[in-house]
Protein backbone atom coordinates (compact mmCIF):
# COMPACT_ATOMS: atom_id res chain seq x y z
CA UNK A 1 -61.26 -28.55 143.03
CA UNK A 2 -61.53 -26.38 139.90
CA UNK A 3 -61.35 -29.50 137.75
CA UNK A 4 -64.38 -31.04 139.49
CA UNK A 5 -66.34 -27.81 139.37
CA UNK A 6 -65.63 -27.53 135.65
CA UNK A 7 -66.76 -31.13 135.06
CA UNK A 8 -70.01 -30.57 136.99
CA UNK A 9 -70.79 -27.33 135.16
CA UNK A 10 -69.94 -28.89 131.80
CA UNK A 11 -72.22 -31.86 132.56
CA UNK A 12 -75.08 -29.55 133.51
CA UNK A 13 -74.53 -27.57 130.31
CA UNK A 14 -74.74 -30.75 128.21
CA UNK A 15 -77.94 -31.81 129.98
CA UNK A 16 -79.46 -28.38 129.39
CA UNK A 17 -78.62 -28.52 125.68
CA UNK A 18 -80.11 -32.00 125.36
CA UNK A 19 -83.38 -30.97 126.99
CA UNK A 20 -83.65 -27.87 124.78
CA UNK A 21 -83.11 -29.96 121.68
CA UNK A 22 -85.98 -32.27 122.57
CA UNK A 23 -88.49 -29.47 123.03
CA UNK A 24 -87.41 -27.66 119.87
CA UNK A 25 -88.25 -30.59 117.58
CA UNK A 26 -91.64 -31.79 116.38
CA UNK A 27 -93.45 -34.08 118.80
CA UNK A 28 -94.25 -37.45 117.32
CA UNK A 29 -96.97 -37.96 119.92
CA UNK A 30 -98.12 -34.51 121.01
CA UNK A 31 -100.26 -34.18 124.13
CA UNK A 32 -104.01 -34.29 123.50
CA UNK A 33 -105.65 -31.21 124.99
CA UNK A 34 -109.19 -32.58 124.92
CA UNK A 35 -111.08 -35.58 123.59
CA UNK A 36 -114.81 -35.22 123.42
CA UNK A 37 -117.94 -34.36 121.48
CA UNK A 38 -118.51 -31.21 119.48
CA UNK A 39 -121.42 -29.45 121.19
CA UNK A 40 -121.38 -26.12 119.36
CA UNK A 41 -119.98 -24.77 116.10
CA UNK A 42 -119.32 -21.09 115.42
CA UNK A 43 -117.29 -19.23 112.82
CA UNK A 44 -113.68 -20.35 113.34
CA UNK A 45 -114.46 -21.91 116.73
CA UNK A 46 -115.96 -25.09 118.18
CA UNK A 47 -116.98 -26.01 121.72
CA UNK A 48 -115.96 -29.50 122.83
CA UNK A 49 -117.03 -31.39 125.96
CA UNK A 50 -115.49 -34.62 127.14
CA UNK A 51 -114.04 -36.30 130.20
CA UNK A 52 -110.58 -35.51 131.48
CA UNK A 53 -108.60 -38.70 131.00
CA UNK A 54 -105.07 -39.85 131.75
CA UNK A 55 -103.87 -38.71 128.32
CA UNK A 56 -105.86 -35.45 128.08
CA UNK A 57 -105.65 -32.10 129.87
CA UNK A 58 -109.19 -30.68 129.82
CA UNK A 59 -112.85 -31.71 129.92
CA UNK A 60 -114.32 -28.61 128.23
CA UNK A 61 -112.78 -26.24 125.70
CA UNK A 62 -113.50 -23.50 123.22
CA UNK A 63 -111.24 -24.42 120.32
CA UNK A 64 -110.19 -21.76 117.84
CA UNK A 65 -109.65 -22.85 114.24
CA UNK A 66 -106.96 -20.96 112.34
CA UNK A 67 -105.97 -21.15 108.67
CA UNK A 68 -103.09 -23.49 109.54
CA UNK A 69 -105.19 -25.81 111.77
CA UNK A 70 -105.15 -29.34 110.37
CA UNK A 71 -108.47 -31.17 110.46
CA UNK A 72 -107.98 -34.86 109.78
CA UNK A 73 -109.97 -38.05 109.94
CA UNK A 74 -108.09 -40.31 112.32
CA UNK A 75 -107.23 -43.65 110.81
CA UNK A 76 -107.27 -42.47 107.22
CA UNK A 77 -105.33 -39.21 107.79
CA UNK A 78 -107.59 -37.66 105.17
CA UNK A 79 -107.41 -33.86 105.45
CA UNK A 80 -110.77 -32.16 105.77
CA UNK A 81 -111.93 -28.58 106.29
CA UNK A 82 -114.04 -26.80 108.89
CA UNK A 83 -117.26 -27.39 106.93
CA UNK A 84 -116.84 -31.13 107.59
CA UNK A 85 -117.18 -30.64 111.35
CA UNK A 86 -120.61 -31.43 112.76
CA UNK A 87 -122.27 -31.29 116.14
CA UNK A 88 -122.06 -34.71 117.79
CA UNK A 89 -118.73 -35.70 116.24
CA UNK A 90 -116.15 -37.11 118.61
CA UNK A 91 -112.80 -35.34 118.21
CA UNK A 92 -109.34 -35.03 119.71
CA UNK A 93 -107.73 -31.59 119.82
CA UNK A 94 -104.05 -30.77 120.03
CA UNK A 95 -103.58 -27.15 121.04
CA UNK A 96 -100.94 -24.85 119.63
CA UNK A 97 -99.21 -22.52 122.04
CA UNK A 98 -100.73 -21.36 125.29
CA UNK A 99 -104.36 -21.73 126.28
CA UNK A 100 -106.36 -19.26 128.34
CA UNK A 101 -106.77 -20.96 131.71
CA UNK A 102 -110.39 -19.89 132.02
CA UNK A 103 -113.09 -22.48 132.43
CA UNK A 104 -113.68 -23.80 129.91
CA UNK A 105 -110.21 -23.24 128.51
CA UNK A 106 -109.78 -21.35 125.25
CA UNK A 107 -107.03 -22.03 122.75
CA UNK A 108 -106.17 -22.42 119.08
CA UNK A 109 -105.99 -25.90 117.61
CA UNK A 110 -102.89 -27.11 115.87
CA UNK A 111 -104.76 -30.25 114.89
CA UNK A 112 -108.31 -31.58 115.19
CA UNK A 113 -108.69 -35.32 114.71
CA UNK A 114 -112.16 -36.59 113.91
CA UNK A 115 -112.70 -39.91 115.70
CA UNK A 116 -116.34 -40.63 114.85
CA UNK A 117 -119.72 -39.00 114.25
């Protein structure tokens, strides 16, 4: 009986370690928080509206832009800065950390991908 209990506990321990290892690494395809159009630009923040889709989490979001936020042009992977963002651009946002579950949500961007103008 002790042998089987040990094997079950050891198996659960291995599964737990494997799942922790996956979340600790960098995501190759991180979840898109929102895809939509920039409607408003403020200092270190943009407001994006879109449609909640199968691969996105939100339809409206206030997106904070930090010093470490990457702003890239999708397709070319050219790094840009906040001054390149314009009202009407279509973007995808990957959030970093937790978002405030208000409506619209509020969070800091890890990455903003410019899709089109």
